[in-house]
Amino acid sequence: MMVDVSILAGLFLVALAAGSILPAQSEAALAALLLTSGLSPTVLIATATTGNVMGSLINWALGRGIERFSGRRWFPVGGKALERAEKWYARFGRWTLLFSWVPVIGDPLTIVAGVLKEPLWSFVPVVAVAKLGPIGAEMKKLVQDHAYIDSVLADGSERAAAIAEPNMNAVKDIVGFVRR
C-alpha cells in the first residue's frame, strides 16, 4: 500500500513538472507504470492528468503575477507584443487552451491565459480536457500493441538482469554458493 502511494506521488510530481514551464516529460513514466506497476490504469491516468493540470495552474498563476513587471526592460514581452497577444486571445479566447498539451507552445499558452486574466473557472476544465485527451489516446494505442509491450518488458528484463547479475554473483561468493 505504501509503495502504491509512493508510486502515485512520484507520478504526480513528474506530471506536475511536465505540466509546468519546466522542461520535463511525464509520458514515459506513465507508460512504464501502466505496463509494469499493476496499478489501475484509471488511477494512473487520473493521477498524471491531475499533476499535469496542476502544473498548468502554476503557469496560470505565474502569468497572473508576472504582468506587474511588464514595464521593466528585462520583461520578455514588450507592450506592443502583449497588446497583440491580448487581441489574438480576444479573437480565439479560451479555446486556444485546448492546445495546452502541445509541446513547446502549450506551457506558454497557459501563462498567457494567466497574464490575460482568463478566469480560473473556465481555465481548469478546458485545460483538463486538453491534457486528458492525448493521454487517453496514447494509452489505448499502447495497450493494444502487444508486440510493443512485450518488447518494453523484454528490454526492461534484460537491463534489470545486467544490473542484478554482478550483485547476485557477489552475494553467491560471500555465502559460498556455486555459480552457474
Protein backbone atom coordinates (compact mmCIF):
# COMPACT_ATOMS: atom_id res chain seq x y z
CA MET A 1 0.00 0.00 0.00
CA MET A 2 2.78 2.45 0.93
CA VAL A 3 4.62 1.55 -2.27
CA ASP A 4 1.46 2.34 -4.28
CA VAL A 5 1.20 5.76 -2.62
CA SER A 6 4.89 6.41 -3.35
CA ILE A 7 4.44 5.40 -6.99
CA LEU A 8 1.41 7.65 -7.38
CA ALA A 9 3.15 10.54 -5.60
CA GLY A 10 6.16 10.19 -7.90
CA LEU A 11 3.95 10.08 -10.98
CA PHE A 12 2.04 13.14 -9.75
CA LEU A 13 5.28 15.10 -9.22
CA VAL A 14 6.68 14.16 -12.63
CA ALA A 15 3.38 15.15 -14.27
CA LEU A 16 3.29 18.38 -12.24
CA ALA A 17 6.75 19.32 -13.51
CA ALA A 18 5.78 18.35 -17.07
CA GLY A 19 2.63 20.46 -16.90
CA SER A 20 4.57 23.49 -15.69
CA ILE A 21 7.04 25.61 -17.61
CA LEU A 22 9.84 23.24 -16.51
CA PRO A 23 11.33 21.13 -19.32
CA ALA A 24 10.01 17.71 -18.31
CA GLN A 25 8.00 14.86 -19.85
CA SER A 26 5.70 12.51 -17.99
CA GLU A 27 4.51 10.22 -20.78
CA ALA A 28 7.35 7.71 -20.43
CA ALA A 29 6.81 7.39 -16.67
CA LEU A 30 3.07 6.90 -17.17
CA ALA A 31 3.58 4.32 -19.91
CA ALA A 32 6.12 2.40 -17.81
CA LEU A 33 3.78 2.36 -14.81
CA LEU A 34 0.85 1.26 -16.94
CA LEU A 35 2.89 -1.63 -18.25
CA THR A 36 4.63 -2.75 -15.08
CA SER A 37 3.06 -1.46 -11.85
CA GLY A 38 -0.13 -3.49 -11.73
CA LEU A 39 -1.99 -0.39 -10.57
CA SER A 40 -5.33 0.56 -12.10
CA PRO A 41 -4.88 2.36 -15.44
CA THR A 42 -7.72 4.69 -14.46
CA VAL A 43 -5.94 5.68 -11.24
CA LEU A 44 -2.62 6.18 -13.04
CA ILE A 45 -4.15 8.29 -15.81
CA ALA A 46 -6.16 10.34 -13.30
CA THR A 47 -3.01 10.94 -11.23
CA ALA A 48 -0.96 12.01 -14.26
CA THR A 49 -3.74 14.24 -15.57
CA THR A 50 -4.23 15.87 -12.16
CA GLY A 51 -0.50 16.57 -11.87
CA ASN A 52 -0.39 17.94 -15.40
CA VAL A 53 -3.35 20.25 -14.82
CA MET A 54 -1.85 21.43 -11.52
CA GLY A 55 1.38 22.26 -13.39
CA SER A 56 -0.66 24.33 -15.83
CA LEU A 57 -2.26 26.08 -12.85
CA ILE A 58 1.22 27.05 -11.68
CA ASN A 59 1.83 28.56 -15.13
CA TRP A 60 -1.50 30.40 -14.96
CA ALA A 61 -0.58 31.81 -11.53
CA LEU A 62 2.83 32.88 -12.85
CA GLY A 63 1.06 34.66 -15.69
CA ARG A 64 -1.25 36.43 -13.25
CA GLY A 65 1.69 37.65 -11.19
CA ILE A 66 4.22 38.46 -13.89
CA GLU A 67 2.17 41.18 -15.59
CA ARG A 68 3.14 43.71 -12.91
CA PHE A 69 6.69 43.55 -14.30
CA SER A 70 5.63 44.28 -17.90
CA GLY A 71 7.08 47.81 -17.91
CA ARG A 72 10.58 46.67 -16.97
CA ARG A 73 13.38 46.46 -19.54
CA TRP A 74 14.12 42.80 -18.78
CA PHE A 75 10.50 41.71 -19.27
CA PRO A 76 10.49 39.24 -22.20
CA VAL A 77 7.44 40.75 -23.95
CA GLY A 78 7.14 44.39 -24.95
CA GLY A 79 3.98 46.45 -24.62
CA LYS A 80 3.03 46.13 -28.29
CA ALA A 81 3.60 42.37 -28.31
CA LEU A 82 1.45 41.99 -25.20
CA GLU A 83 -1.23 44.09 -26.86
CA ARG A 84 -1.12 41.81 -29.94
CA ALA A 85 -1.36 38.74 -27.71
CA GLU A 86 -4.39 40.25 -25.98
CA LYS A 87 -6.09 40.85 -29.35
CA TRP A 88 -5.23 37.33 -30.52
CA TYR A 89 -6.53 35.84 -27.29
CA ALA A 90 -9.66 38.01 -27.52
CA ARG A 91 -10.25 36.61 -31.02
CA PHE A 92 -9.71 32.91 -30.23
CA GLY A 93 -10.24 33.03 -26.47
CA ARG A 94 -10.02 30.20 -24.01
CA TRP A 95 -10.33 27.59 -26.76
CA THR A 96 -6.65 28.10 -27.53
CA LEU A 97 -6.07 26.28 -24.23
CA LEU A 98 -7.15 23.08 -25.98
CA PHE A 99 -3.60 23.17 -27.38
CA SER A 100 -2.04 23.30 -23.88
CA TRP A 101 -0.91 19.67 -24.30
CA VAL A 102 1.23 20.50 -27.36
CA PRO A 103 4.97 20.53 -26.63
CA VAL A 104 6.71 23.92 -26.83
CA ILE A 105 3.54 26.04 -27.26
CA GLY A 106 1.30 24.53 -24.58
CA ASP A 107 3.05 25.89 -21.49
CA PRO A 108 3.32 29.46 -22.81
CA LEU A 109 -0.40 29.35 -23.69
CA THR A 110 -1.24 28.64 -20.06
CA ILE A 111 0.98 31.51 -18.91
CA VAL A 112 -0.64 33.87 -21.43
CA ALA A 113 -4.05 32.81 -20.12
CA GLY A 114 -2.94 33.99 -16.69
CA VAL A 115 -1.49 37.25 -17.99
CA LEU A 116 -4.72 37.95 -19.87
CA LYS A 117 -6.83 37.13 -16.81
CA GLU A 118 -8.63 34.01 -18.03
CA PRO A 119 -10.98 33.10 -15.17
CA LEU A 120 -9.98 30.03 -13.18
CA TRP A 121 -13.49 28.53 -13.53
CA SER A 122 -13.03 28.28 -17.31
CA PHE A 123 -9.26 27.66 -17.36
CA VAL A 124 -9.31 24.43 -15.34
CA PRO A 125 -11.93 22.42 -17.30
CA VAL A 126 -10.58 23.39 -20.72
CA VAL A 127 -7.01 22.51 -19.74
CA ALA A 128 -8.17 19.26 -18.09
CA VAL A 129 -9.90 18.17 -21.30
CA ALA A 130 -6.84 19.15 -23.33
CA LYS A 131 -4.44 17.24 -21.09
CA LEU A 132 -6.59 14.10 -20.79
CA GLY A 133 -7.34 13.61 -24.50
CA PRO A 134 -3.82 12.79 -25.75
CA ILE A 135 -3.01 10.69 -22.67
CA GLY A 136 -6.08 8.50 -23.15
CA ALA A 137 -5.49 8.08 -26.88
CA GLU A 138 -1.83 7.16 -26.42
CA MET A 139 -2.59 4.69 -23.65
CA LYS A 140 -5.26 2.94 -25.73
CA LYS A 141 -2.74 2.62 -28.56
CA LEU A 142 -0.03 1.26 -26.25
CA VAL A 143 -2.29 -1.27 -24.54
CA GLN A 144 -3.45 -2.66 -27.89
CA ASP A 145 0.09 -3.04 -29.25
CA HIS A 146 1.09 -6.32 -27.56
CA ALA A 147 4.35 -6.62 -29.51
CA TYR A 148 5.45 -3.20 -28.23
CA ILE A 149 4.52 -4.10 -24.65
CA ASP A 150 6.45 -7.37 -24.95
CA SER A 151 9.50 -5.52 -26.31
CA VAL A 152 9.42 -2.98 -23.46
CA LEU A 153 9.13 -5.74 -20.87
CA ALA A 154 11.91 -7.79 -22.51
CA ASP A 155 14.19 -4.74 -22.64
CA GLY A 156 13.47 -3.95 -19.00
CA SER A 157 14.12 -7.55 -18.01
CA GLU A 158 17.48 -7.58 -19.84
CA ARG A 159 18.56 -4.31 -18.25
CA ALA A 160 17.48 -5.48 -14.77
CA ALA A 161 19.38 -8.75 -15.23
CA ALA A 162 22.52 -6.88 -16.32
CA ILE A 163 22.33 -4.74 -13.19
CA ALA A 164 21.46 -7.61 -10.84
CA GLU A 165 23.98 -10.20 -12.12
CA PRO A 166 27.14 -8.69 -10.60
CA ASN A 167 25.36 -8.18 -7.28
CA MET A 168 23.99 -11.71 -7.21
CA ASN A 169 27.42 -13.13 -8.07
CA ALA A 170 28.97 -11.17 -5.20
CA VAL A 171 26.30 -12.46 -2.81
CA LYS A 172 26.85 -16.05 -4.01
CA ASP A 173 30.61 -15.68 -3.49
CA ILE A 174 30.10 -14.33 0.04
CA VAL A 175 27.59 -17.01 1.01
CA GLY A 176 29.57 -19.75 -0.72
CA PHE A 177 27.05 -20.80 -3.36
CA VAL A 178 28.29 -22.27 -6.60
CA ARG A 179 27.63 -20.06 -9.59
CA ARG A 180 26.06 -21.39 -12.75
